Amino acid sequence: MKSCQIGSGEKPNQEQIKRLEEITSQIPADDVLYGNADVIKAIADPTRLKILHLLKHGELCVCEIITVMEKPQPTVSHHLNILKKAGFLKWRKEGVWVHYSLSNPKIIDMLNELLENR
């Protein structure tokens, strides 16, 4: 297959165009990509990663998470909310307390697998 050089004025031939159309047809739609980027952004923070690692060991009350994180309640709640909106956490309310757990127990294993290949 002949390659084209940027700035050379050459245009892709029909074979190249067909190949590019096949490739681009397999790329998710922009709205899906933006949603995926938002999910990835949710874990792109050391505080949120630490929360995920904490919850790997099971459900914790928000008061326990605050104690371990040594951060103010509004800060921890903010991070928990981001993780919850991204689908990483599930929660339940018991009286005045909210308990959090991982929505998928394999999240940490998946993160570790992703990061070990860098």
N, C-alpha and C. Protein backbone atom coordinates (compact mmCIF):
# COMPACT_ATOMS: atom_id res chain seq x y z
N MET A 1 0.84 -1.17 0.00
CA MET A 1 0.00 0.00 0.00
C MET A 1 0.89 1.24 0.00
N LYS A 2 0.60 2.14 -0.87
CA LYS A 2 1.35 3.38 -0.99
C LYS A 2 0.93 4.31 0.15
N SER A 3 1.92 4.90 0.80
CA SER A 3 1.60 5.85 1.87
C SER A 3 1.68 7.26 1.31
N CYS A 4 0.93 8.17 1.93
CA CYS A 4 0.96 9.55 1.48
C CYS A 4 1.75 10.37 2.49
N GLN A 5 2.32 11.43 1.99
CA GLN A 5 3.09 12.30 2.86
C GLN A 5 2.28 13.56 3.12
N ILE A 6 2.25 13.95 4.39
CA ILE A 6 1.52 15.15 4.76
C ILE A 6 2.18 16.34 4.09
N GLY A 7 1.36 17.16 3.51
CA GLY A 7 1.86 18.38 2.87
C GLY A 7 2.37 18.16 1.46
N SER A 8 2.32 16.94 0.97
CA SER A 8 2.84 16.68 -0.38
C SER A 8 1.82 17.00 -1.46
N GLY A 9 0.59 17.22 -1.07
CA GLY A 9 -0.45 17.50 -2.05
C GLY A 9 -1.11 16.24 -2.57
N GLU A 10 -0.55 15.08 -2.23
CA GLU A 10 -1.14 13.82 -2.66
C GLU A 10 -2.38 13.52 -1.83
N LYS A 11 -3.37 12.95 -2.47
CA LYS A 11 -4.57 12.54 -1.78
C LYS A 11 -4.57 11.02 -1.69
N PRO A 12 -5.22 10.48 -0.63
CA PRO A 12 -5.29 9.02 -0.52
C PRO A 12 -5.99 8.42 -1.74
N ASN A 13 -5.53 7.25 -2.17
CA ASN A 13 -6.18 6.57 -3.29
C ASN A 13 -7.42 5.83 -2.78
N GLN A 14 -8.15 5.21 -3.69
CA GLN A 14 -9.41 4.54 -3.33
C GLN A 14 -9.20 3.43 -2.31
N GLU A 15 -8.11 2.70 -2.43
CA GLU A 15 -7.82 1.61 -1.49
C GLU A 15 -7.58 2.18 -0.08
N GLN A 16 -6.84 3.27 -0.03
CA GLN A 16 -6.57 3.90 1.26
C GLN A 16 -7.86 4.47 1.88
N ILE A 17 -8.67 5.07 1.04
CA ILE A 17 -9.94 5.64 1.52
C ILE A 17 -10.83 4.54 2.08
N LYS A 18 -10.91 3.41 1.36
CA LYS A 18 -11.73 2.29 1.84
C LYS A 18 -11.21 1.78 3.18
N ARG A 19 -9.90 1.64 3.31
CA ARG A 19 -9.31 1.18 4.56
C ARG A 19 -9.61 2.16 5.70
N LEU A 20 -9.49 3.45 5.43
CA LEU A 20 -9.78 4.47 6.45
C LEU A 20 -11.25 4.44 6.86
N GLU A 21 -12.13 4.22 5.90
CA GLU A 21 -13.56 4.13 6.22
C GLU A 21 -13.84 2.92 7.11
N GLU A 22 -13.17 1.80 6.84
CA GLU A 22 -13.33 0.60 7.68
C GLU A 22 -12.83 0.88 9.11
N ILE A 23 -11.69 1.53 9.20
CA ILE A 23 -11.12 1.84 10.52
C ILE A 23 -12.05 2.78 11.29
N THR A 24 -12.45 3.86 10.65
CA THR A 24 -13.27 4.85 11.35
C THR A 24 -14.66 4.32 11.70
N SER A 25 -15.15 3.34 10.95
CA SER A 25 -16.46 2.77 11.28
C SER A 25 -16.43 1.99 12.59
N GLN A 26 -15.24 1.62 13.04
CA GLN A 26 -15.11 0.85 14.27
C GLN A 26 -14.82 1.74 15.49
N ILE A 27 -14.63 3.03 15.28
CA ILE A 27 -14.38 3.96 16.38
C ILE A 27 -15.73 4.36 16.97
N PRO A 28 -15.85 4.31 18.30
CA PRO A 28 -17.12 4.72 18.92
C PRO A 28 -17.48 6.17 18.57
N ALA A 29 -18.77 6.47 18.66
CA ALA A 29 -19.25 7.82 18.38
C ALA A 29 -18.65 8.81 19.38
N ASP A 30 -18.58 10.08 18.99
CA ASP A 30 -17.98 11.11 19.83
C ASP A 30 -18.62 11.18 21.21
N ASP A 31 -19.95 11.08 21.29
CA ASP A 31 -20.60 11.17 22.60
C ASP A 31 -20.18 10.01 23.51
N VAL A 32 -19.95 8.85 22.93
CA VAL A 32 -19.47 7.70 23.70
C VAL A 32 -18.04 7.96 24.17
N LEU A 33 -17.21 8.49 23.29
CA LEU A 33 -15.83 8.78 23.65
C LEU A 33 -15.76 9.84 24.76
N TYR A 34 -16.61 10.86 24.69
CA TYR A 34 -16.64 11.89 25.73
C TYR A 34 -17.07 11.28 27.07
N GLY A 35 -18.05 10.39 27.03
CA GLY A 35 -18.49 9.71 28.25
C GLY A 35 -17.39 8.84 28.82
N ASN A 36 -16.69 8.12 27.95
CA ASN A 36 -15.57 7.29 28.39
C ASN A 36 -14.47 8.14 29.01
N ALA A 37 -14.20 9.29 28.41
CA ALA A 37 -13.17 10.19 28.93
C ALA A 37 -13.55 10.68 30.32
N ASP A 38 -14.84 10.96 30.53
CA ASP A 38 -15.29 11.39 31.86
C ASP A 38 -15.08 10.31 32.90
N VAL A 39 -15.32 9.06 32.52
CA VAL A 39 -15.11 7.94 33.45
C VAL A 39 -13.62 7.83 33.78
N ILE A 40 -12.78 7.95 32.78
CA ILE A 40 -11.34 7.86 33.02
C ILE A 40 -10.87 9.03 33.88
N LYS A 41 -11.42 10.22 33.65
CA LYS A 41 -11.06 11.38 34.47
C LYS A 41 -11.42 11.14 35.94
N ALA A 42 -12.47 10.39 36.18
CA ALA A 42 -12.91 10.13 37.56
C ALA A 42 -11.85 9.38 38.35
N ILE A 43 -11.04 8.58 37.69
CA ILE A 43 -10.00 7.84 38.42
C ILE A 43 -8.63 8.48 38.26
N ALA A 44 -8.58 9.60 37.59
CA ALA A 44 -7.30 10.29 37.37
C ALA A 44 -6.99 11.26 38.50
N ASP A 45 -7.17 10.79 39.71
CA ASP A 45 -6.92 11.61 40.88
C ASP A 45 -6.43 10.70 42.01
N PRO A 46 -5.32 11.04 42.66
CA PRO A 46 -4.78 10.17 43.71
C PRO A 46 -5.75 9.93 44.87
N THR A 47 -6.52 10.93 45.23
CA THR A 47 -7.49 10.76 46.32
C THR A 47 -8.54 9.73 45.95
N ARG A 48 -9.04 9.81 44.73
CA ARG A 48 -10.07 8.86 44.30
C ARG A 48 -9.50 7.46 44.14
N LEU A 49 -8.27 7.36 43.65
CA LEU A 49 -7.64 6.04 43.57
C LEU A 49 -7.47 5.44 44.96
N LYS A 50 -7.11 6.25 45.92
CA LYS A 50 -6.95 5.75 47.29
C LYS A 50 -8.29 5.26 47.83
N ILE A 51 -9.36 5.99 47.56
CA ILE A 51 -10.69 5.56 47.99
C ILE A 51 -11.04 4.21 47.38
N LEU A 52 -10.76 4.03 46.10
CA LEU A 52 -11.03 2.75 45.45
C LEU A 52 -10.24 1.63 46.11
N HIS A 53 -8.97 1.89 46.40
CA HIS A 53 -8.14 0.87 47.06
C HIS A 53 -8.68 0.55 48.45
N LEU A 54 -9.16 1.55 49.17
CA LEU A 54 -9.77 1.31 50.49
C LEU A 54 -10.97 0.37 50.37
N LEU A 55 -11.81 0.66 49.39
CA LEU A 55 -13.06 -0.08 49.24
C LEU A 55 -12.85 -1.48 48.66
N LYS A 56 -11.65 -1.74 48.19
CA LYS A 56 -11.32 -3.09 47.72
C LYS A 56 -11.51 -4.10 48.85
N HIS A 57 -11.36 -3.65 50.07
CA HIS A 57 -11.44 -4.53 51.23
C HIS A 57 -12.85 -4.65 51.78
N GLY A 58 -13.82 -4.02 51.12
CA GLY A 58 -15.21 -4.15 51.53
C GLY A 58 -15.85 -2.80 51.82
N GLU A 59 -17.11 -2.88 52.13
CA GLU A 59 -17.92 -1.70 52.37
C GLU A 59 -17.39 -0.89 53.56
N LEU A 60 -17.43 0.43 53.41
CA LEU A 60 -17.04 1.34 54.48
C LEU A 60 -18.06 2.45 54.61
N CYS A 61 -18.26 2.87 55.84
CA CYS A 61 -19.10 4.03 56.12
C CYS A 61 -18.31 5.28 55.73
N VAL A 62 -19.00 6.30 55.29
CA VAL A 62 -18.32 7.53 54.89
C VAL A 62 -17.48 8.08 56.04
N CYS A 63 -17.91 7.90 57.27
CA CYS A 63 -17.12 8.39 58.41
C CYS A 63 -15.78 7.65 58.50
N GLU A 64 -15.76 6.37 58.14
CA GLU A 64 -14.51 5.61 58.15
C GLU A 64 -13.58 6.09 57.03
N ILE A 65 -14.16 6.37 55.88
CA ILE A 65 -13.36 6.85 54.75
C ILE A 65 -12.74 8.20 55.10
N ILE A 66 -13.52 9.08 55.72
CA ILE A 66 -13.02 10.40 56.13
C ILE A 66 -11.85 10.24 57.09
N THR A 67 -11.97 9.32 58.04
CA THR A 67 -10.91 9.08 59.03
C THR A 67 -9.62 8.65 58.36
N VAL A 68 -9.70 7.69 57.44
CA VAL A 68 -8.51 7.19 56.75
C VAL A 68 -7.92 8.24 55.83
N MET A 69 -8.76 8.98 55.15
CA MET A 69 -8.28 9.95 54.17
C MET A 69 -7.66 11.19 54.82
N GLU A 70 -8.04 11.45 56.07
CA GLU A 70 -7.55 12.64 56.78
C GLU A 70 -7.80 13.91 55.98
N LYS A 71 -9.01 13.97 55.41
CA LYS A 71 -9.46 15.14 54.66
C LYS A 71 -10.82 15.54 55.20
N PRO A 72 -11.20 16.79 55.01
CA PRO A 72 -12.51 17.23 55.50
C PRO A 72 -13.66 16.50 54.81
N GLN A 73 -14.76 16.39 55.52
CA GLN A 73 -15.94 15.68 55.00
C GLN A 73 -16.39 16.20 53.63
N PRO A 74 -16.45 17.53 53.40
CA PRO A 74 -16.88 17.98 52.07
C PRO A 74 -15.94 17.51 50.94
N THR A 75 -14.66 17.46 51.22
CA THR A 75 -13.70 17.01 50.20
C THR A 75 -13.91 15.54 49.88
N VAL A 76 -14.03 14.72 50.91
CA VAL A 76 -14.24 13.28 50.70
C VAL A 76 -15.57 13.04 49.99
N SER A 77 -16.61 13.75 50.41
CA SER A 77 -17.93 13.60 49.77
C SER A 77 -17.87 13.97 48.30
N HIS A 78 -17.12 15.02 47.98
CA HIS A 78 -16.95 15.44 46.58
C HIS A 78 -16.34 14.31 45.76
N HIS A 79 -15.27 13.70 46.28
CA HIS A 79 -14.60 12.62 45.55
C HIS A 79 -15.48 11.38 45.45
N LEU A 80 -16.19 11.07 46.52
CA LEU A 80 -17.12 9.92 46.48
C LEU A 80 -18.20 10.15 45.43
N ASN A 81 -18.70 11.36 45.34
CA ASN A 81 -19.75 11.68 44.38
C ASN A 81 -19.25 11.50 42.94
N ILE A 82 -18.03 11.92 42.68
CA ILE A 82 -17.46 11.76 41.33
C ILE A 82 -17.35 10.27 40.99
N LEU A 83 -16.84 9.49 41.93
CA LEU A 83 -16.70 8.04 41.69
C LEU A 83 -18.06 7.37 41.53
N LYS A 84 -19.03 7.84 42.29
CA LYS A 84 -20.39 7.29 42.20
C LYS A 84 -21.01 7.61 40.84
N LYS A 85 -20.89 8.86 40.39
CA LYS A 85 -21.45 9.27 39.09
C LYS A 85 -20.79 8.52 37.94
N ALA A 86 -19.51 8.18 38.09
CA ALA A 86 -18.80 7.45 37.04
C ALA A 86 -19.12 5.96 37.06
N GLY A 87 -19.85 5.51 38.08
CA GLY A 87 -20.27 4.12 38.14
C GLY A 87 -19.31 3.19 38.87
N PHE A 88 -18.31 3.73 39.56
CA PHE A 88 -17.35 2.90 40.26
C PHE A 88 -17.84 2.46 41.64
N LEU A 89 -18.80 3.20 42.20
CA LEU A 89 -19.26 2.90 43.55
C LEU A 89 -20.75 2.64 43.59
N LYS A 90 -21.14 1.83 44.57
CA LYS A 90 -22.55 1.72 44.93
C LYS A 90 -22.62 2.14 46.39
N TRP A 91 -23.80 2.52 46.80
CA TRP A 91 -23.95 3.02 48.15
C TRP A 91 -25.30 2.64 48.71
N ARG A 92 -25.36 2.67 50.03
CA ARG A 92 -26.63 2.43 50.70
C ARG A 92 -26.65 3.32 51.94
N LYS A 93 -27.84 3.72 52.28
CA LYS A 93 -28.02 4.58 53.45
C LYS A 93 -28.57 3.75 54.60
N GLU A 94 -27.98 3.93 55.75
CA GLU A 94 -28.43 3.26 56.96
C GLU A 94 -28.56 4.32 58.04
N GLY A 95 -29.77 4.75 58.28
CA GLY A 95 -29.99 5.87 59.21
C GLY A 95 -29.39 7.13 58.62
N VAL A 96 -28.52 7.77 59.38
CA VAL A 96 -27.87 8.99 58.89
C VAL A 96 -26.55 8.69 58.18
N TRP A 97 -26.13 7.42 58.19
CA TRP A 97 -24.85 7.06 57.61
C TRP A 97 -25.00 6.50 56.20
N VAL A 98 -24.01 6.82 55.37
CA VAL A 98 -23.96 6.29 54.01
C VAL A 98 -22.77 5.34 53.94
N HIS A 99 -23.01 4.16 53.40
CA HIS A 99 -21.98 3.14 53.26
C HIS A 99 -21.67 2.97 51.77
N TYR A 100 -20.39 2.92 51.45
CA TYR A 100 -19.95 2.78 50.07
C TYR A 100 -19.23 1.47 49.85
N SER A 101 -19.35 0.95 48.64
CA SER A 101 -18.61 -0.23 48.23
C SER A 101 -18.35 -0.13 46.73
N LEU A 102 -17.44 -0.96 46.24
CA LEU A 102 -17.15 -0.97 44.81
C LEU A 102 -18.33 -1.57 44.04
N SER A 103 -18.67 -0.97 42.93
CA SER A 103 -19.76 -1.52 42.11
C SER A 103 -19.34 -2.84 41.46
N ASN A 104 -18.04 -2.99 41.26
CA ASN A 104 -17.49 -4.22 40.70
C ASN A 104 -16.23 -4.56 41.50
N PRO A 105 -16.21 -5.66 42.20
CA PRO A 105 -15.05 -6.00 43.04
C PRO A 105 -13.74 -6.14 42.26
N LYS A 106 -13.82 -6.28 40.95
CA LYS A 106 -12.62 -6.47 40.14
C LYS A 106 -12.03 -5.16 39.63
N ILE A 107 -12.59 -4.02 40.04
CA ILE A 107 -12.12 -2.72 39.55
C ILE A 107 -10.63 -2.54 39.82
N ILE A 108 -10.18 -2.85 41.03
CA ILE A 108 -8.77 -2.67 41.37
C ILE A 108 -7.89 -3.59 40.53
N ASP A 109 -8.31 -4.81 40.32
CA ASP A 109 -7.54 -5.73 39.47
C ASP A 109 -7.43 -5.18 38.04
N MET A 110 -8.52 -4.62 37.54
CA MET A 110 -8.51 -4.05 36.19
C MET A 110 -7.57 -2.84 36.13
N LEU A 111 -7.61 -1.99 37.15
CA LEU A 111 -6.71 -0.83 37.20
C LEU A 111 -5.26 -1.29 37.25
N ASN A 112 -4.99 -2.26 38.10
CA ASN A 112 -3.61 -2.77 38.21
C ASN A 112 -3.14 -3.35 36.88
N GLU A 113 -4.00 -4.07 36.20
CA GLU A 113 -3.64 -4.64 34.90
C GLU A 113 -3.35 -3.54 33.88
N LEU A 114 -4.17 -2.52 33.88
CA LEU A 114 -3.97 -1.39 32.98
C LEU A 114 -2.64 -0.70 33.25
N LEU A 115 -2.34 -0.50 34.51
CA LEU A 115 -1.15 0.27 34.87
C LEU A 115 0.15 -0.54 34.81
N GLU A 116 0.08 -1.85 34.88
CA GLU A 116 1.30 -2.64 34.84
C GLU A 116 1.91 -2.68 33.44
N ASN A 117 1.14 -2.35 32.44
CA ASN A 117 1.64 -2.39 31.06
C ASN A 117 2.18 -1.06 30.56
N ARG A 118 2.40 -0.14 31.44
CA ARG A 118 2.88 1.16 30.97
C ARG A 118 4.36 1.25 30.99
